[in-house]
Amino acid sequence: MSAESTGQNEDFLRVIRQRFRDWRGQRPFWAGLFTLLGGIPIAYFPYASLKLGHMTLSMATTAGAGSLIIGVLLVTLGLTMWFQPLVRVFAGVAAILLALVSIPVANLGGFIIGFLLSLIGGALSVSWAPGKPKAEADRTEAPVPAGAPDKADQEPWGPYDPNTHETTIDAHGGRNSAG
């Protein structure tokens, strides 16, 4: 294989990208990402310290353990949305509740950044629904002509004609399907 031939690498990257796109489409990906990113500032800010010259600013509070627990739970819920999409509604509601609890416990929810990201992620998770498979999406009904009557107005078995329907006497030697 020569150095100028990059066909295999491009195909490999295309396959990886398509697999990731398929994986992402089967779960609430953005909900999980927002929730995960929202948990990081909530857990980080109470333990962060900022150095300005010789002065150190620290946001350590008595609620540091609560902030850490909330942040770790939000990261876990974000990963749960990715890898267990069947529990997306529970994970979304839990993320919303933890985001609301983070306001008084974790420095205004990670200075509002973590609160907003977690709240948006939880709402996206609750509202996400799996898409239809391509086979069902491709099957569409033929367009109805403009002058045709509406299907809802017709009976599903067609117009009633007493001469075409069987009776219990004529059907199968007088026996019905229950006997």
C-alpha atoms as a PDB file:
ATOM      1  CA  MET A   1       0.000   0.000   0.000  1.00  0.00           C
ATOM      2  CA  SER A   2       1.464   3.352  -0.958  1.00  0.00           C
ATOM      3  CA  ALA A   3       1.534   6.508   1.134  1.00  0.00           C
ATOM      4  CA  GLU A   4      -0.758   8.227  -1.341  1.00  0.00           C
ATOM      5  CA  SER A   5      -3.532   5.667  -0.925  1.00  0.00           C
ATOM      6  CA  THR A   6      -5.828   6.816   1.902  1.00  0.00           C
ATOM      7  CA  GLY A   7      -8.948   4.948   0.807  1.00  0.00           C
ATOM      8  CA  GLN A   8      -8.848   2.470   3.682  1.00  0.00           C
ATOM      9  CA  ASN A   9      -8.469   5.138   6.370  1.00  0.00           C
ATOM     10  CA  GLU A  10     -11.298   7.234   4.963  1.00  0.00           C
ATOM     11  CA  ASP A  11     -13.547   4.182   4.816  1.00  0.00           C
ATOM     12  CA  PHE A  12     -12.614   3.247   8.381  1.00  0.00           C
ATOM     13  CA  LEU A  13     -13.443   6.733   9.647  1.00  0.00           C
ATOM     14  CA  ARG A  14     -16.704   6.722   7.704  1.00  0.00           C
ATOM     15  CA  VAL A  15     -17.701   3.394   9.267  1.00  0.00           C
ATOM     16  CA  ILE A  16     -16.831   4.615  12.770  1.00  0.00           C
ATOM     17  CA  ARG A  17     -18.780   7.820  12.223  1.00  0.00           C
ATOM     18  CA  GLN A  18     -21.823   5.923  10.901  1.00  0.00           C
ATOM     19  CA  ARG A  19     -21.755   3.504  13.831  1.00  0.00           C
ATOM     20  CA  PHE A  20     -21.573   6.409  16.276  1.00  0.00           C
ATOM     21  CA  ARG A  21     -24.459   8.135  14.480  1.00  0.00           C
ATOM     22  CA  ASP A  22     -26.556   4.952  14.685  1.00  0.00           C
ATOM     23  CA  TRP A  23     -25.684   4.496  18.361  1.00  0.00           C
ATOM     24  CA  ARG A  24     -26.493   8.141  19.111  1.00  0.00           C
ATOM     25  CA  GLY A  25     -29.854   7.925  17.332  1.00  0.00           C
ATOM     26  CA  GLN A  26     -31.072   5.056  19.520  1.00  0.00           C
ATOM     27  CA  ARG A  27     -30.799   6.880  22.835  1.00  0.00           C
ATOM     28  CA  PRO A  28     -31.224  10.368  24.331  1.00  0.00           C
ATOM     29  CA  PHE A  29     -27.629  11.344  23.561  1.00  0.00           C
ATOM     30  CA  TRP A  30     -27.904  15.103  24.018  1.00  0.00           C
ATOM     31  CA  ALA A  31     -29.892  14.684  27.223  1.00  0.00           C
ATOM     32  CA  GLY A  32     -27.146  12.499  28.654  1.00  0.00           C
ATOM     33  CA  LEU A  33     -24.436  14.897  27.525  1.00  0.00           C
ATOM     34  CA  PHE A  34     -26.127  17.956  29.057  1.00  0.00           C
ATOM     35  CA  THR A  35     -26.814  16.105  32.307  1.00  0.00           C
ATOM     36  CA  LEU A  36     -23.249  14.820  32.493  1.00  0.00           C
ATOM     37  CA  LEU A  37     -21.809  18.273  31.783  1.00  0.00           C
ATOM     38  CA  GLY A  38     -24.170  19.792  34.354  1.00  0.00           C
ATOM     39  CA  GLY A  39     -22.890  17.501  37.101  1.00  0.00           C
ATOM     40  CA  ILE A  40     -19.257  18.514  36.609  1.00  0.00           C
ATOM     41  CA  PRO A  41     -19.457  22.185  37.750  1.00  0.00           C
ATOM     42  CA  ILE A  42     -21.800  21.261  40.588  1.00  0.00           C
ATOM     43  CA  ALA A  43     -19.239  18.793  41.949  1.00  0.00           C
ATOM     44  CA  TYR A  44     -16.140  20.845  41.059  1.00  0.00           C
ATOM     45  CA  PHE A  45     -16.772  24.389  42.296  1.00  0.00           C
ATOM     46  CA  PRO A  46     -17.018  23.652  46.050  1.00  0.00           C
ATOM     47  CA  TYR A  47     -13.558  22.051  45.916  1.00  0.00           C
ATOM     48  CA  ALA A  48     -11.919  24.505  43.501  1.00  0.00           C
ATOM     49  CA  SER A  49      -9.484  27.168  44.581  1.00  0.00           C
ATOM     50  CA  LEU A  50      -8.352  30.122  42.515  1.00  0.00           C
ATOM     51  CA  LYS A  51      -4.911  31.672  43.010  1.00  0.00           C
ATOM     52  CA  LEU A  52      -4.547  35.396  42.392  1.00  0.00           C
ATOM     53  CA  GLY A  53      -0.897  36.134  43.073  1.00  0.00           C
ATOM     54  CA  HIS A  54      -0.309  35.161  46.708  1.00  0.00           C
ATOM     55  CA  MET A  55      -3.996  35.115  47.558  1.00  0.00           C
ATOM     56  CA  THR A  56      -6.062  31.944  47.298  1.00  0.00           C
ATOM     57  CA  LEU A  57      -9.817  32.090  46.809  1.00  0.00           C
ATOM     58  CA  SER A  58     -11.699  28.967  47.815  1.00  0.00           C
ATOM     59  CA  MET A  59     -15.383  28.206  47.445  1.00  0.00           C
ATOM     60  CA  ALA A  60     -15.301  25.444  50.074  1.00  0.00           C
ATOM     61  CA  THR A  61     -18.542  25.357  52.005  1.00  0.00           C
ATOM     62  CA  THR A  62     -20.040  23.107  54.629  1.00  0.00           C
ATOM     63  CA  ALA A  63     -22.165  21.583  51.884  1.00  0.00           C
ATOM     64  CA  GLY A  64     -19.152  20.282  49.945  1.00  0.00           C
ATOM     65  CA  ALA A  65     -20.123  16.646  50.467  1.00  0.00           C
ATOM     66  CA  GLY A  66     -23.680  17.355  49.280  1.00  0.00           C
ATOM     67  CA  SER A  67     -22.334  19.066  46.182  1.00  0.00           C
ATOM     68  CA  LEU A  68     -20.067  16.134  45.443  1.00  0.00           C
ATOM     69  CA  ILE A  69     -22.916  13.647  45.840  1.00  0.00           C
ATOM     70  CA  ILE A  70     -25.252  15.659  43.613  1.00  0.00           C
ATOM     71  CA  GLY A  71     -22.571  16.126  40.957  1.00  0.00           C
ATOM     72  CA  VAL A  72     -21.614  12.442  40.910  1.00  0.00           C
ATOM     73  CA  LEU A  73     -25.280  11.414  40.736  1.00  0.00           C
ATOM     74  CA  LEU A  74     -25.870  13.749  37.787  1.00  0.00           C
ATOM     75  CA  VAL A  75     -22.854  12.338  35.941  1.00  0.00           C
ATOM     76  CA  THR A  76     -24.141   8.824  36.671  1.00  0.00           C
ATOM     77  CA  LEU A  77     -27.614   9.723  35.418  1.00  0.00           C
ATOM     78  CA  GLY A  78     -26.116  11.164  32.228  1.00  0.00           C
ATOM     79  CA  LEU A  79     -24.261   7.912  31.608  1.00  0.00           C
ATOM     80  CA  THR A  80     -27.429   5.972  32.440  1.00  0.00           C
ATOM     81  CA  MET A  81     -29.315   7.898  29.764  1.00  0.00           C
ATOM     82  CA  TRP A  82     -26.679   6.805  27.259  1.00  0.00           C
ATOM     83  CA  PHE A  83     -26.286   3.167  28.186  1.00  0.00           C
ATOM     84  CA  GLN A  84     -29.770   2.315  29.555  1.00  0.00           C
ATOM     85  CA  PRO A  85     -32.216   4.304  27.379  1.00  0.00           C
ATOM     86  CA  LEU A  86     -35.214   2.377  28.738  1.00  0.00           C
ATOM     87  CA  VAL A  87     -34.969   4.228  32.068  1.00  0.00           C
ATOM     88  CA  ARG A  88     -34.750   7.638  30.395  1.00  0.00           C
ATOM     89  CA  VAL A  89     -37.897   9.008  32.060  1.00  0.00           C
ATOM     90  CA  PHE A  90     -36.736   8.057  35.557  1.00  0.00           C
ATOM     91  CA  ALA A  91     -33.247   9.420  34.864  1.00  0.00           C
ATOM     92  CA  GLY A  92     -34.712  12.649  33.471  1.00  0.00           C
ATOM     93  CA  VAL A  93     -37.003  13.233  36.446  1.00  0.00           C
ATOM     94  CA  ALA A  94     -34.158  12.432  38.858  1.00  0.00           C
ATOM     95  CA  ALA A  95     -31.850  14.851  36.991  1.00  0.00           C
ATOM     96  CA  ILE A  96     -34.452  17.626  37.198  1.00  0.00           C
ATOM     97  CA  LEU A  97     -34.949  17.055  40.929  1.00  0.00           C
ATOM     98  CA  LEU A  98     -31.204  16.950  41.605  1.00  0.00           C
ATOM     99  CA  ALA A  99     -30.731  20.118  39.576  1.00  0.00           C
ATOM    100  CA  LEU A 100     -33.349  21.862  41.696  1.00  0.00           C
ATOM    101  CA  VAL A 101     -31.798  20.574  44.929  1.00  0.00           C
ATOM    102  CA  SER A 102     -28.378  21.793  43.778  1.00  0.00           C
ATOM    103  CA  ILE A 103     -29.489  25.445  43.982  1.00  0.00           C
ATOM    104  CA  PRO A 104     -29.444  25.695  47.799  1.00  0.00           C
ATOM    105  CA  VAL A 105     -26.884  22.922  48.378  1.00  0.00           C
ATOM    106  CA  ALA A 106     -24.153  23.427  45.776  1.00  0.00           C
ATOM    107  CA  ASN A 107     -23.289  27.121  45.408  1.00  0.00           C
ATOM    108  CA  LEU A 108     -26.393  28.058  43.442  1.00  0.00           C
ATOM    109  CA  GLY A 109     -26.210  24.912  41.374  1.00  0.00           C
ATOM    110  CA  GLY A 110     -22.617  25.338  40.277  1.00  0.00           C
ATOM    111  CA  PHE A 111     -23.097  29.067  39.702  1.00  0.00           C
ATOM    112  CA  ILE A 112     -26.262  28.424  37.658  1.00  0.00           C
ATOM    113  CA  ILE A 113     -24.199  26.722  34.909  1.00  0.00           C
ATOM    114  CA  GLY A 114     -24.586  23.188  36.261  1.00  0.00           C
ATOM    115  CA  PHE A 115     -28.189  23.843  37.244  1.00  0.00           C
ATOM    116  CA  LEU A 116     -29.206  24.934  33.743  1.00  0.00           C
ATOM    117  CA  LEU A 117     -27.307  22.162  31.957  1.00  0.00           C
ATOM    118  CA  SER A 118     -28.782  19.494  34.250  1.00  0.00           C
ATOM    119  CA  LEU A 119     -32.276  20.919  33.981  1.00  0.00           C
ATOM    120  CA  ILE A 120     -32.120  20.992  30.179  1.00  0.00           C
ATOM    121  CA  GLY A 121     -30.661  17.474  30.089  1.00  0.00           C
ATOM    122  CA  GLY A 122     -33.393  16.116  32.355  1.00  0.00           C
ATOM    123  CA  ALA A 123     -36.120  17.772  30.302  1.00  0.00           C
ATOM    124  CA  LEU A 124     -34.647  16.401  27.061  1.00  0.00           C
ATOM    125  CA  SER A 125     -34.496  12.924  28.580  1.00  0.00           C
ATOM    126  CA  VAL A 126     -38.123  12.983  29.710  1.00  0.00           C
ATOM    127  CA  SER A 127     -39.325  14.232  26.331  1.00  0.00           C
ATOM    128  CA  TRP A 128     -37.170  11.948  24.141  1.00  0.00           C
ATOM    129  CA  ALA A 129     -38.892   9.107  22.299  1.00  0.00           C
ATOM    130  CA  PRO A 130     -37.240   6.517  20.071  1.00  0.00           C
ATOM    131  CA  GLY A 131     -37.632   7.078  16.357  1.00  0.00           C
ATOM    132  CA  LYS A 132     -39.370   4.698  13.998  1.00  0.00           C
ATOM    133  CA  PRO A 133     -37.196   2.195  12.150  1.00  0.00           C
ATOM    134  CA  LYS A 134     -36.406   3.056   8.542  1.00  0.00           C
ATOM    135  CA  ALA A 135     -38.551   0.190   7.226  1.00  0.00           C
ATOM    136  CA  GLU A 136     -41.676   1.681   8.799  1.00  0.00           C
ATOM    137  CA  ALA A 137     -40.780   5.211   7.746  1.00  0.00           C
ATOM    138  CA  ASP A 138     -40.390   4.149   4.117  1.00  0.00           C
ATOM    139  CA  ARG A 139     -43.826   2.518   4.014  1.00  0.00           C
ATOM    140  CA  THR A 140     -46.184   5.337   3.287  1.00  0.00           C
ATOM    141  CA  GLU A 141     -49.676   5.186   1.932  1.00  0.00           C
ATOM    142  CA  ALA A 142     -50.382   6.230  -1.628  1.00  0.00           C
ATOM    143  CA  PRO A 143     -51.710   9.765  -1.923  1.00  0.00           C
ATOM    144  CA  VAL A 144     -55.497   9.984  -2.057  1.00  0.00           C
ATOM    145  CA  PRO A 145     -56.979  11.674  -5.138  1.00  0.00           C
ATOM    146  CA  ALA A 146     -58.677  15.008  -4.503  1.00  0.00           C
ATOM    147  CA  GLY A 147     -62.203  13.773  -5.295  1.00  0.00           C
ATOM    148  CA  ALA A 148     -61.989  10.503  -3.321  1.00  0.00           C
ATOM    149  CA  PRO A 149     -64.075  10.120  -0.147  1.00  0.00           C
ATOM    150  CA  ASP A 150     -62.276  10.133   3.189  1.00  0.00           C
ATOM    151  CA  LYS A 151     -61.355   6.708   4.616  1.00  0.00           C
ATOM    152  CA  ALA A 152     -62.700   7.667   8.029  1.00  0.00           C
ATOM    153  CA  ASP A 153     -66.180   8.103   6.547  1.00  0.00           C
ATOM    154  CA  GLN A 154     -66.273   4.580   5.117  1.00  0.00           C
ATOM    155  CA  GLU A 155     -66.680   1.317   6.953  1.00  0.00           C
ATOM    156  CA  PRO A 156     -63.455  -0.695   7.004  1.00  0.00           C
ATOM    157  CA  TRP A 157     -65.122  -3.738   5.391  1.00  0.00           C
ATOM    158  CA  GLY A 158     -66.801  -1.748   2.645  1.00  0.00           C
ATOM    159  CA  PRO A 159     -70.454  -0.944   2.013  1.00  0.00           C
ATOM    160  CA  TYR A 160     -73.002  -3.349   3.492  1.00  0.00           C
ATOM    161  CA  ASP A 161     -74.628  -5.753   1.057  1.00  0.00           C
ATOM    162  CA  PRO A 162     -76.887  -8.377   2.677  1.00  0.00           C
ATOM    163  CA  ASN A 163     -76.457 -10.769  -0.263  1.00  0.00           C
ATOM    164  CA  THR A 164     -72.674 -11.081   0.129  1.00  0.00           C
ATOM    165  CA  HIS A 165     -72.469 -11.769   3.879  1.00  0.00           C
ATOM    166  CA  GLU A 166     -72.782 -15.286   5.237  1.00  0.00           C
ATOM    167  CA  THR A 167     -75.183 -16.210   7.984  1.00  0.00           C
ATOM    168  CA  THR A 168     -74.672 -18.814  10.687  1.00  0.00           C
ATOM    169  CA  ILE A 169     -76.982 -21.207   8.833  1.00  0.00           C
ATOM    170  CA  ASP A 170     -74.996 -21.042   5.603  1.00  0.00           C
ATOM    171  CA  ALA A 171     -71.537 -20.865   7.118  1.00  0.00           C
ATOM    172  CA  HIS A 172     -69.724 -24.153   7.601  1.00  0.00           C
ATOM    173  CA  GLY A 173     -72.736 -26.440   7.766  1.00  0.00           C
ATOM    174  CA  GLY A 174     -74.595 -24.394  10.363  1.00  0.00           C
ATOM    175  CA  ARG A 175     -71.798 -24.295  12.935  1.00  0.00           C
ATOM    176  CA  ASN A 176     -70.299 -21.069  14.128  1.00  0.00           C
ATOM    177  CA  SER A 177     -66.665 -20.650  15.060  1.00  0.00           C
ATOM    178  CA  ALA A 178     -67.336 -21.037  18.782  1.00  0.00           C
ATOM    179  CA  GLY A 179     -68.927 -24.464  18.553  1.00  0.00           C
END
